[in-house]
Amino acid sequence: MVFYCHTCADVTSVREVETTELLKKVRKIEIRSRGLTRQIFAGEYHSAFRGRGMAFSEVREYQFGDDIRNIDWNVTARFGHPYVKVFEEERELTVMLLVDVSRSGDFGTVASTKREMMTEIAAVLAYSVIANNDKVGLMLFSDRVEKYIPPKKGRGHMLRIIREMLGYEPSGSATSLSEPLRYLTNIIRKRCTAFILSDFLAPPFTDALRIASGKHDVVALRISDRREKEMPDVGFIKVLNPETGREQWIDTSSSAVRKDYAAQWKRHDEAVASAFVSCGVDMASISTGEDYIKPLISLFKHR
């Protein structure tokens, strides 16, 4: 006797639809990423990120003009005269994408949410890395490290990264930069280029950022929405903090309320910018609904 379960069939059908839609999104992003990489990013990518790391090659006898910081003291002691370490530019680049999947990324008032924009930008970067035969890895984070995919090469690996970014449901809701930065420092031993894609609506993270940027080449891509910076005059509205679940009513018709909100945002904005500057981290600001190509190209050329 065979029992047919309508519920199970319905669930399977829903999953098939979700998978089909996900694959369509993956394909769409891959096509866009390929075009952008070939037309725009190829040359900038090489000049901005290649050759930034140095790998040990050999030791040789000290010559006049050599940097004394490169003296190999063990070999020098063994042979009784100075030897120096010789380094060469690393031919292979490793890129890590640290993508914020906290609930604040679900906000967006123009064209797309912040998370959707982060996903597309990260996909473009991943495609650029793979197209240049380098390795790319992924770390999804909220107030914890949600998922880590080690750096690898290949189109299949890149497509896996895009699928994870599109379909991942985080277990955490809040944002913390300190935990993913510590994780990056501990798990990636070799120097890499790390892109952090986030709205940076997080508690102070300067200490962890300074440690990470001392070991790796860290680049910040700050994604925001214009309605986060300014409160419109639309009367009484109920607002929800997606990371805490807290709701409250706000009288947006009050100029004092709007002014105080703008001042709070400005202080946070300045604190985040100061953290990047003090840690020597390059940064680009990108807003939802705007073309992200120009800020990225400008960032690449600056580097």
C-alpha atoms as a PDB file:
ATOM      1  CA  MET A   1       0.000   0.000   0.000  1.00  0.00           C
ATOM      2  CA  VAL A   2       1.315   3.438  -0.952  1.00  0.00           C
ATOM      3  CA  PHE A   3       0.479   6.563   1.035  1.00  0.00           C
ATOM      4  CA  TYR A   4       0.627   9.867  -0.822  1.00  0.00           C
ATOM      5  CA  CYS A   5       1.438  12.867   1.304  1.00  0.00           C
ATOM      6  CA  HIS A   6       0.052  16.118  -0.145  1.00  0.00           C
ATOM      7  CA  THR A   7       2.034  18.175   2.387  1.00  0.00           C
ATOM      8  CA  CYS A   8       5.329  16.565   1.406  1.00  0.00           C
ATOM      9  CA  ALA A   9       4.538  17.036  -2.293  1.00  0.00           C
ATOM     10  CA  ASP A  10       3.701  20.688  -1.736  1.00  0.00           C
ATOM     11  CA  VAL A  11       6.947  21.280   0.182  1.00  0.00           C
ATOM     12  CA  THR A  12       8.943  19.573  -2.570  1.00  0.00           C
ATOM     13  CA  SER A  13       7.204  21.692  -5.190  1.00  0.00           C
ATOM     14  CA  VAL A  14       7.968  24.890  -3.281  1.00  0.00           C
ATOM     15  CA  ARG A  15      11.613  23.895  -2.907  1.00  0.00           C
ATOM     16  CA  GLU A  16      11.891  23.172  -6.636  1.00  0.00           C
ATOM     17  CA  VAL A  17      10.475  26.615  -7.434  1.00  0.00           C
ATOM     18  CA  GLU A  18      12.854  28.257  -4.944  1.00  0.00           C
ATOM     19  CA  THR A  19      15.812  26.376  -6.439  1.00  0.00           C
ATOM     20  CA  THR A  20      14.817  27.379  -9.972  1.00  0.00           C
ATOM     21  CA  GLU A  21      14.485  31.035  -8.978  1.00  0.00           C
ATOM     22  CA  LEU A  22      17.812  30.900  -7.170  1.00  0.00           C
ATOM     23  CA  LEU A  23      19.555  29.467 -10.230  1.00  0.00           C
ATOM     24  CA  LYS A  24      18.037  32.224 -12.382  1.00  0.00           C
ATOM     25  CA  LYS A  25      19.412  34.848 -10.008  1.00  0.00           C
ATOM     26  CA  VAL A  26      22.820  33.161  -9.994  1.00  0.00           C
ATOM     27  CA  ARG A  27      22.897  33.111 -13.786  1.00  0.00           C
ATOM     28  CA  LYS A  28      21.807  36.755 -14.024  1.00  0.00           C
ATOM     29  CA  ILE A  29      24.511  37.886 -11.606  1.00  0.00           C
ATOM     30  CA  GLU A  30      27.146  35.775 -13.368  1.00  0.00           C
ATOM     31  CA  ILE A  31      26.335  37.349 -16.749  1.00  0.00           C
ATOM     32  CA  ARG A  32      26.442  40.880 -15.315  1.00  0.00           C
ATOM     33  CA  SER A  33      29.650  40.162 -13.405  1.00  0.00           C
ATOM     34  CA  ARG A  34      31.353  38.743 -16.483  1.00  0.00           C
ATOM     35  CA  GLY A  35      30.520  41.819 -18.534  1.00  0.00           C
ATOM     36  CA  LEU A  36      31.650  44.282 -15.880  1.00  0.00           C
ATOM     37  CA  THR A  37      34.880  42.384 -15.253  1.00  0.00           C
ATOM     38  CA  ARG A  38      35.843  42.265 -18.922  1.00  0.00           C
ATOM     39  CA  GLN A  39      34.872  45.848 -19.705  1.00  0.00           C
ATOM     40  CA  ILE A  40      35.993  47.680 -16.597  1.00  0.00           C
ATOM     41  CA  PHE A  41      37.759  45.864 -13.790  1.00  0.00           C
ATOM     42  CA  ALA A  42      40.439  43.780 -15.505  1.00  0.00           C
ATOM     43  CA  GLY A  43      43.149  46.444 -15.761  1.00  0.00           C
ATOM     44  CA  GLU A  44      42.252  48.157 -12.498  1.00  0.00           C
ATOM     45  CA  TYR A  45      42.264  44.828 -10.663  1.00  0.00           C
ATOM     46  CA  HIS A  46      45.843  44.086 -11.663  1.00  0.00           C
ATOM     47  CA  SER A  47      47.193  47.480 -10.703  1.00  0.00           C
ATOM     48  CA  ALA A  48      45.255  47.715  -7.430  1.00  0.00           C
ATOM     49  CA  PHE A  49      45.756  44.283  -5.921  1.00  0.00           C
ATOM     50  CA  ARG A  50      48.506  42.326  -7.617  1.00  0.00           C
ATOM     51  CA  GLY A  51      52.045  42.339  -6.294  1.00  0.00           C
ATOM     52  CA  ARG A  52      51.077  43.651  -2.853  1.00  0.00           C
ATOM     53  CA  GLY A  53      52.309  40.546  -1.068  1.00  0.00           C
ATOM     54  CA  MET A  54      55.892  39.291  -0.854  1.00  0.00           C
ATOM     55  CA  ALA A  55      56.984  35.689  -0.507  1.00  0.00           C
ATOM     56  CA  PHE A  56      60.338  34.358   0.760  1.00  0.00           C
ATOM     57  CA  SER A  57      62.525  33.137  -2.100  1.00  0.00           C
ATOM     58  CA  GLU A  58      66.091  32.411  -0.872  1.00  0.00           C
ATOM     59  CA  VAL A  59      69.038  33.660   1.210  1.00  0.00           C
ATOM     60  CA  ARG A  60      72.235  35.173  -0.166  1.00  0.00           C
ATOM     61  CA  GLU A  61      75.276  36.954   1.207  1.00  0.00           C
ATOM     62  CA  TYR A  62      74.777  40.511   2.394  1.00  0.00           C
ATOM     63  CA  GLN A  63      75.657  43.218  -0.132  1.00  0.00           C
ATOM     64  CA  PHE A  64      76.205  46.919   0.462  1.00  0.00           C
ATOM     65  CA  GLY A  65      72.834  48.695   0.397  1.00  0.00           C
ATOM     66  CA  ASP A  66      70.746  45.698   1.512  1.00  0.00           C
ATOM     67  CA  ASP A  67      68.084  46.393   4.137  1.00  0.00           C
ATOM     68  CA  ILE A  68      69.480  45.187   7.479  1.00  0.00           C
ATOM     69  CA  ARG A  69      65.942  44.253   8.497  1.00  0.00           C
ATOM     70  CA  ASN A  70      66.165  41.356   6.025  1.00  0.00           C
ATOM     71  CA  ILE A  71      69.246  39.789   7.662  1.00  0.00           C
ATOM     72  CA  ASP A  72      68.703  36.101   8.428  1.00  0.00           C
ATOM     73  CA  TRP A  73      70.371  35.855  11.824  1.00  0.00           C
ATOM     74  CA  ASN A  74      70.277  32.058  11.998  1.00  0.00           C
ATOM     75  CA  VAL A  75      72.156  31.639   8.691  1.00  0.00           C
ATOM     76  CA  THR A  76      74.469  34.530   9.584  1.00  0.00           C
ATOM     77  CA  ALA A  77      75.438  32.848  12.884  1.00  0.00           C
ATOM     78  CA  ARG A  78      76.016  29.540  11.126  1.00  0.00           C
ATOM     79  CA  PHE A  79      78.437  30.895   8.488  1.00  0.00           C
ATOM     80  CA  GLY A  80      79.999  33.726  10.461  1.00  0.00           C
ATOM     81  CA  HIS A  81      79.167  36.527   8.014  1.00  0.00           C
ATOM     82  CA  PRO A  82      75.849  38.234   7.154  1.00  0.00           C
ATOM     83  CA  TYR A  83      73.194  36.718   4.936  1.00  0.00           C
ATOM     84  CA  VAL A  84      69.907  38.331   3.933  1.00  0.00           C
ATOM     85  CA  LYS A  85      66.523  36.945   2.990  1.00  0.00           C
ATOM     86  CA  VAL A  86      65.435  37.582  -0.590  1.00  0.00           C
ATOM     87  CA  PHE A  87      61.738  38.103  -1.320  1.00  0.00           C
ATOM     88  CA  GLU A  88      59.785  38.157  -4.535  1.00  0.00           C
ATOM     89  CA  GLU A  89      56.308  39.343  -5.405  1.00  0.00           C
ATOM     90  CA  GLU A  90      53.678  36.699  -4.939  1.00  0.00           C
ATOM     91  CA  ARG A  91      52.241  35.698  -8.267  1.00  0.00           C
ATOM     92  CA  GLU A  92      48.979  34.447  -6.819  1.00  0.00           C
ATOM     93  CA  LEU A  93      46.494  36.606  -4.954  1.00  0.00           C
ATOM     94  CA  THR A  94      44.034  35.428  -2.329  1.00  0.00           C
ATOM     95  CA  VAL A  95      40.881  37.476  -1.847  1.00  0.00           C
ATOM     96  CA  MET A  96      38.417  37.091   1.024  1.00  0.00           C
ATOM     97  CA  LEU A  97      34.910  38.522   0.822  1.00  0.00           C
ATOM     98  CA  LEU A  98      33.443  39.328   4.244  1.00  0.00           C
ATOM     99  CA  VAL A  99      29.740  39.943   3.639  1.00  0.00           C
ATOM    100  CA  ASP A 100      27.334  41.295   6.273  1.00  0.00           C
ATOM    101  CA  VAL A 101      24.106  39.247   6.385  1.00  0.00           C
ATOM    102  CA  SER A 102      22.627  40.868   9.518  1.00  0.00           C
ATOM    103  CA  ARG A 103      18.985  42.009   9.481  1.00  0.00           C
ATOM    104  CA  SER A 104      19.843  45.673   8.906  1.00  0.00           C
ATOM    105  CA  GLY A 105      20.813  44.654   5.374  1.00  0.00           C
ATOM    106  CA  ASP A 106      17.147  43.960   4.591  1.00  0.00           C
ATOM    107  CA  PHE A 107      16.517  47.725   4.488  1.00  0.00           C
ATOM    108  CA  GLY A 108      16.319  49.560   1.203  1.00  0.00           C
ATOM    109  CA  THR A 109      14.083  52.287  -0.204  1.00  0.00           C
ATOM    110  CA  VAL A 110      15.506  52.662  -3.713  1.00  0.00           C
ATOM    111  CA  ALA A 111      15.670  49.829  -6.270  1.00  0.00           C
ATOM    112  CA  SER A 112      17.284  47.252  -3.956  1.00  0.00           C
ATOM    113  CA  THR A 113      18.032  46.395  -0.351  1.00  0.00           C
ATOM    114  CA  LYS A 114      21.490  46.866   1.092  1.00  0.00           C
ATOM    115  CA  ARG A 115      22.001  43.111   1.207  1.00  0.00           C
ATOM    116  CA  GLU A 116      21.051  42.709  -2.459  1.00  0.00           C
ATOM    117  CA  MET A 117      23.580  45.364  -3.406  1.00  0.00           C
ATOM    118  CA  MET A 118      26.287  43.774  -1.233  1.00  0.00           C
ATOM    119  CA  THR A 119      25.604  40.433  -2.928  1.00  0.00           C
ATOM    120  CA  GLU A 120      25.913  41.832  -6.448  1.00  0.00           C
ATOM    121  CA  ILE A 121      29.108  43.780  -5.674  1.00  0.00           C
ATOM    122  CA  ALA A 122      30.647  40.738  -3.974  1.00  0.00           C
ATOM    123  CA  ALA A 123      29.717  38.611  -6.988  1.00  0.00           C
ATOM    124  CA  VAL A 124      31.418  41.070  -9.351  1.00  0.00           C
ATOM    125  CA  LEU A 125      34.554  41.006  -7.208  1.00  0.00           C
ATOM    126  CA  ALA A 126      34.483  37.187  -7.044  1.00  0.00           C
ATOM    127  CA  TYR A 127      34.195  36.955 -10.810  1.00  0.00           C
ATOM    128  CA  SER A 128      37.109  39.392 -11.231  1.00  0.00           C
ATOM    129  CA  VAL A 129      39.273  37.273  -8.937  1.00  0.00           C
ATOM    130  CA  ILE A 130      38.439  34.001 -10.707  1.00  0.00           C
ATOM    131  CA  ALA A 131      38.904  35.611 -14.141  1.00  0.00           C
ATOM    132  CA  ASN A 132      42.441  36.567 -13.067  1.00  0.00           C
ATOM    133  CA  ASN A 133      43.148  32.979 -11.954  1.00  0.00           C
ATOM    134  CA  ASP A 134      43.364  33.889  -8.272  1.00  0.00           C
ATOM    135  CA  LYS A 135      41.682  32.397  -5.208  1.00  0.00           C
ATOM    136  CA  VAL A 136      38.550  33.771  -3.570  1.00  0.00           C
ATOM    137  CA  GLY A 137      36.874  32.804  -0.308  1.00  0.00           C
ATOM    138  CA  LEU A 138      33.714  33.890   1.491  1.00  0.00           C
ATOM    139  CA  MET A 139      32.778  34.707   5.064  1.00  0.00           C
ATOM    140  CA  LEU A 140      29.158  35.534   5.892  1.00  0.00           C
ATOM    141  CA  PHE A 141      28.695  37.251   9.234  1.00  0.00           C
ATOM    142  CA  SER A 142      26.123  38.888  11.502  1.00  0.00           C
ATOM    143  CA  ASP A 143      27.024  39.187  15.177  1.00  0.00           C
ATOM    144  CA  ARG A 144      28.917  35.947  14.632  1.00  0.00           C
ATOM    145  CA  VAL A 145      30.646  34.117  11.786  1.00  0.00           C
ATOM    146  CA  GLU A 146      27.714  32.485  10.004  1.00  0.00           C
ATOM    147  CA  LYS A 147      29.552  30.609   7.272  1.00  0.00           C
ATOM    148  CA  TYR A 148      33.115  30.289   6.018  1.00  0.00           C
ATOM    149  CA  ILE A 149      34.131  29.005   2.582  1.00  0.00           C
ATOM    150  CA  PRO A 150      37.934  28.636   2.157  1.00  0.00           C
ATOM    151  CA  PRO A 151      39.603  30.356  -0.819  1.00  0.00           C
ATOM    152  CA  LYS A 152      39.748  28.337  -4.033  1.00  0.00           C
ATOM    153  CA  LYS A 153      39.923  28.853  -7.766  1.00  0.00           C
ATOM    154  CA  GLY A 154      37.475  27.978 -10.506  1.00  0.00           C
ATOM    155  CA  ARG A 155      34.079  28.934 -11.913  1.00  0.00           C
ATOM    156  CA  GLY A 156      32.284  26.225  -9.953  1.00  0.00           C
ATOM    157  CA  HIS A 157      33.670  27.626  -6.725  1.00  0.00           C
ATOM    158  CA  MET A 158      32.606  31.146  -7.707  1.00  0.00           C
ATOM    159  CA  LEU A 159      29.057  29.966  -8.455  1.00  0.00           C
ATOM    160  CA  ARG A 160      28.909  28.266  -5.070  1.00  0.00           C
ATOM    161  CA  ILE A 161      29.860  31.568  -3.414  1.00  0.00           C
ATOM    162  CA  ILE A 162      27.108  33.420  -5.300  1.00  0.00           C
ATOM    163  CA  ARG A 163      24.514  30.756  -4.388  1.00  0.00           C
ATOM    164  CA  GLU A 164      25.458  30.983  -0.718  1.00  0.00           C
ATOM    165  CA  MET A 165      25.147  34.755  -0.704  1.00  0.00           C
ATOM    166  CA  LEU A 166      21.763  34.662  -2.416  1.00  0.00           C
ATOM    167  CA  GLY A 167      20.168  31.865  -0.433  1.00  0.00           C
ATOM    168  CA  TYR A 168      21.707  32.016   3.047  1.00  0.00           C
ATOM    169  CA  GLU A 169      19.416  32.622   6.029  1.00  0.00           C
ATOM    170  CA  PRO A 170      21.423  33.944   9.016  1.00  0.00           C
ATOM    171  CA  SER A 171      20.892  32.661  12.527  1.00  0.00           C
ATOM    172  CA  GLY A 172      22.010  35.972  14.061  1.00  0.00           C
ATOM    173  CA  SER A 173      20.262  39.306  13.553  1.00  0.00           C
ATOM    174  CA  ALA A 174      22.652  41.922  14.966  1.00  0.00           C
ATOM    175  CA  THR A 175      25.986  43.122  13.538  1.00  0.00           C
ATOM    176  CA  SER A 176      29.504  42.741  14.926  1.00  0.00           C
ATOM    177  CA  LEU A 177      32.707  43.371  13.002  1.00  0.00           C
ATOM    178  CA  SER A 178      35.055  42.273  15.778  1.00  0.00           C
ATOM    179  CA  GLU A 179      34.259  38.551  15.583  1.00  0.00           C
ATOM    180  CA  PRO A 180      34.678  38.114  11.778  1.00  0.00           C
ATOM    181  CA  LEU A 181      37.855  40.220  11.807  1.00  0.00           C
ATOM    182  CA  ARG A 182      39.358  38.060  14.572  1.00  0.00           C
ATOM    183  CA  TYR A 183      38.327  34.942  12.654  1.00  0.00           C
ATOM    184  CA  LEU A 184      39.981  36.282   9.490  1.00  0.00           C
ATOM    185  CA  THR A 185      43.203  37.023  11.359  1.00  0.00           C
ATOM    186  CA  ASN A 186      43.324  33.541  12.873  1.00  0.00           C
ATOM    187  CA  ILE A 187      42.274  31.369   9.950  1.00  0.00           C
ATOM    188  CA  ILE A 188      44.011  33.019   6.954  1.00  0.00           C
ATOM    189  CA  ARG A 189      47.731  32.685   7.631  1.00  0.00           C
ATOM    190  CA  LYS A 190      49.020  34.055   4.349  1.00  0.00           C
ATOM    191  CA  ARG A 191      48.492  37.743   3.567  1.00  0.00           C
ATOM    192  CA  CYS A 192      45.309  38.307   1.557  1.00  0.00           C
ATOM    193  CA  THR A 193      43.135  41.144   0.287  1.00  0.00           C
ATOM    194  CA  ALA A 194      39.934  41.224   2.350  1.00  0.00           C
ATOM    195  CA  PHE A 195      36.871  43.141   1.205  1.00  0.00           C
ATOM    196  CA  ILE A 196      34.377  43.915   3.985  1.00  0.00           C
ATOM    197  CA  LEU A 197      30.903  44.611   2.584  1.00  0.00           C
ATOM    198  CA  SER A 198      28.691  46.003   5.333  1.00  0.00           C
ATOM    199  CA  ASP A 199      26.610  48.965   6.466  1.00  0.00           C
ATOM    200  CA  PHE A 200      28.930  49.072   9.514  1.00  0.00           C
ATOM    201  CA  LEU A 201      26.005  49.645  11.887  1.00  0.00           C
ATOM    202  CA  ALA A 202      27.961  47.909  14.603  1.00  0.00           C
ATOM    203  CA  PRO A 203      29.567  48.513  18.001  1.00  0.00           C
ATOM    204  CA  PRO A 204      33.182  49.833  18.011  1.00  0.00           C
ATOM    205  CA  PHE A 205      35.528  47.552  16.070  1.00  0.00           C
ATOM    206  CA  THR A 206      38.728  49.631  15.747  1.00  0.00           C
ATOM    207  CA  ASP A 207      40.978  47.289  17.757  1.00  0.00           C
ATOM    208  CA  ALA A 208      40.062  44.191  15.729  1.00  0.00           C
ATOM    209  CA  LEU A 209      40.315  46.177  12.470  1.00  0.00           C
ATOM    210  CA  ARG A 210      43.793  47.434  13.352  1.00  0.00           C
ATOM    211  CA  ILE A 211      45.041  43.886  14.023  1.00  0.00           C
ATOM    212  CA  ALA A 212      43.479  42.528  10.825  1.00  0.00           C
ATOM    213  CA  SER A 213      44.795  45.383   8.658  1.00  0.00           C
ATOM    214  CA  GLY A 214      48.261  44.858  10.097  1.00  0.00           C
ATOM    215  CA  LYS A 215      48.275  41.335   8.681  1.00  0.00           C
ATOM    216  CA  HIS A 216      46.057  41.663   5.608  1.00  0.00           C
ATOM    217  CA  ASP A 217      45.184  44.242   2.955  1.00  0.00           C
ATOM    218  CA  VAL A 218      41.719  45.247   4.188  1.00  0.00           C
ATOM    219  CA  VAL A 219      39.282  47.218   2.019  1.00  0.00           C
ATOM    220  CA  ALA A 220      35.923  48.507   3.326  1.00  0.00           C
ATOM    221  CA  LEU A 221      32.863  48.832   1.069  1.00  0.00           C
ATOM    222  CA  ARG A 222      30.215  50.667   3.054  1.00  0.00           C
ATOM    223  CA  ILE A 223      26.669  50.151   1.768  1.00  0.00           C
ATOM    224  CA  SER A 224      23.939  52.507   2.967  1.00  0.00           C
ATOM    225  CA  ASP A 225      20.503  53.849   2.073  1.00  0.00           C
ATOM    226  CA  ARG A 226      19.729  57.567   1.905  1.00  0.00           C
ATOM    227  CA  ARG A 227      16.763  57.201   4.282  1.00  0.00           C
ATOM    228  CA  GLU A 228      19.148  56.084   7.002  1.00  0.00           C
ATOM    229  CA  LYS A 229      20.823  59.469   6.939  1.00  0.00           C
ATOM    230  CA  GLU A 230      17.772  61.706   6.884  1.00  0.00           C
ATOM    231  CA  MET A 231      14.300  61.329   8.360  1.00  0.00           C
ATOM    232  CA  PRO A 232      11.426  62.570   6.128  1.00  0.00           C
ATOM    233  CA  ASP A 233       8.599  64.688   7.518  1.00  0.00           C
ATOM    234  CA  VAL A 234       5.676  62.237   7.278  1.00  0.00           C
ATOM    235  CA  GLY A 235       4.025  62.633  10.683  1.00  0.00           C
ATOM    236  CA  PHE A 236       3.742  59.847  13.250  1.00  0.00           C
ATOM    237  CA  ILE A 237       5.257  56.564  12.067  1.00  0.00           C
ATOM    238  CA  LYS A 238       6.068  53.241  13.700  1.00  0.00           C
ATOM    239  CA  VAL A 239       9.672  52.173  13.151  1.00  0.00           C
ATOM    240  CA  LEU A 240      11.256  48.777  13.712  1.00  0.00           C
ATOM    241  CA  ASN A 241      14.871  47.968  14.522  1.00  0.00           C
ATOM    242  CA  PRO A 242      15.349  44.722  12.532  1.00  0.00           C
ATOM    243  CA  GLU A 243      18.363  43.658  14.588  1.00  0.00           C
ATOM    244  CA  THR A 244      16.753  44.029  18.036  1.00  0.00           C
ATOM    245  CA  GLY A 245      13.062  43.666  17.128  1.00  0.00           C
ATOM    246  CA  ARG A 246      12.279  46.862  19.038  1.00  0.00           C
ATOM    247  CA  GLU A 247       9.375  49.003  17.777  1.00  0.00           C
ATOM    248  CA  GLN A 248       8.606  52.613  18.616  1.00  0.00           C
ATOM    249  CA  TRP A 249       6.503  55.526  17.414  1.00  0.00           C
ATOM    250  CA  ILE A 250       8.296  58.634  16.173  1.00  0.00           C
ATOM    251  CA  ASP A 251       6.896  62.077  15.405  1.00  0.00           C
ATOM    252  CA  THR A 252       8.787  62.891  12.214  1.00  0.00           C
ATOM    253  CA  SER A 253       6.961  66.215  11.895  1.00  0.00           C
ATOM    254  CA  SER A 254       9.098  67.482  14.794  1.00  0.00           C
ATOM    255  CA  SER A 255      12.116  69.389  13.464  1.00  0.00           C
ATOM    256  CA  ALA A 256      13.913  68.693  16.767  1.00  0.00           C
ATOM    257  CA  VAL A 257      13.440  64.932  16.301  1.00  0.00           C
ATOM    258  CA  ARG A 258      14.718  65.071  12.722  1.00  0.00           C
ATOM    259  CA  LYS A 259      17.671  67.226  13.738  1.00  0.00           C
ATOM    260  CA  ASP A 260      18.609  64.909  16.600  1.00  0.00           C
ATOM    261  CA  TYR A 261      18.373  61.880  14.296  1.00  0.00           C
ATOM    262  CA  ALA A 262      20.642  63.541  11.710  1.00  0.00           C
ATOM    263  CA  ALA A 263      23.146  64.455  14.437  1.00  0.00           C
ATOM    264  CA  GLN A 264      23.259  60.864  15.746  1.00  0.00           C
ATOM    265  CA  TRP A 265      23.867  59.537  12.249  1.00  0.00           C
ATOM    266  CA  LYS A 266      26.611  62.106  11.631  1.00  0.00           C
ATOM    267  CA  ARG A 267      28.428  61.090  14.841  1.00  0.00           C
ATOM    268  CA  HIS A 268      28.250  57.419  13.859  1.00  0.00           C
ATOM    269  CA  ASP A 269      29.387  58.249  10.328  1.00  0.00           C
ATOM    270  CA  GLU A 270      32.405  60.161  11.622  1.00  0.00           C
ATOM    271  CA  ALA A 271      33.319  57.393  14.081  1.00  0.00           C
ATOM    272  CA  VAL A 272      33.307  54.740  11.350  1.00  0.00           C
ATOM    273  CA  ALA A 273      35.318  56.934   8.951  1.00  0.00           C
ATOM    274  CA  SER A 274      37.818  57.671  11.734  1.00  0.00           C
ATOM    275  CA  ALA A 275      38.276  53.940  12.373  1.00  0.00           C
ATOM    276  CA  PHE A 276      39.155  53.347   8.716  1.00  0.00           C
ATOM    277  CA  VAL A 277      41.637  56.230   8.626  1.00  0.00           C
ATOM    278  CA  SER A 278      43.369  55.290  11.895  1.00  0.00           C
ATOM    279  CA  CYS A 279      43.785  51.684  10.716  1.00  0.00           C
ATOM    280  CA  GLY A 280      44.961  52.593   7.217  1.00  0.00           C
ATOM    281  CA  VAL A 281      41.979  50.954   5.532  1.00  0.00           C
ATOM    282  CA  ASP A 282      40.804  52.119   2.091  1.00  0.00           C
ATOM    283  CA  MET A 283      37.055  52.699   1.894  1.00  0.00           C
ATOM    284  CA  ALA A 284      34.327  53.362  -0.664  1.00  0.00           C
ATOM    285  CA  SER A 285      30.796  54.487   0.205  1.00  0.00           C
ATOM    286  CA  ILE A 286      27.974  53.152  -1.968  1.00  0.00           C
ATOM    287  CA  SER A 287      24.271  53.924  -1.655  1.00  0.00           C
ATOM    288  CA  THR A 288      21.362  51.726  -2.760  1.00  0.00           C
ATOM    289  CA  GLY A 289      19.829  52.896  -6.004  1.00  0.00           C
ATOM    290  CA  GLU A 290      23.133  54.380  -7.189  1.00  0.00           C
ATOM    291  CA  ASP A 291      25.612  53.039  -9.709  1.00  0.00           C
ATOM    292  CA  TYR A 292      28.337  51.239  -7.738  1.00  0.00           C
ATOM    293  CA  ILE A 293      30.741  51.109 -10.685  1.00  0.00           C
ATOM    294  CA  LYS A 294      32.109  54.642 -10.271  1.00  0.00           C
ATOM    295  CA  PRO A 295      32.928  54.315  -6.534  1.00  0.00           C
ATOM    296  CA  LEU A 296      34.677  50.983  -7.162  1.00  0.00           C
ATOM    297  CA  ILE A 297      36.716  52.293 -10.090  1.00  0.00           C
ATOM    298  CA  SER A 298      37.641  55.366  -8.065  1.00  0.00           C
ATOM    299  CA  LEU A 299      38.753  53.122  -5.199  1.00  0.00           C
ATOM    300  CA  PHE A 300      40.829  50.927  -7.501  1.00  0.00           C
ATOM    301  CA  LYS A 301      42.539  53.930  -9.098  1.00  0.00           C
ATOM    302  CA  HIS A 302      43.258  55.450  -5.673  1.00  0.00           C
ATOM    303  CA  ARG A 303      45.092  52.266  -4.722  1.00  0.00           C
END
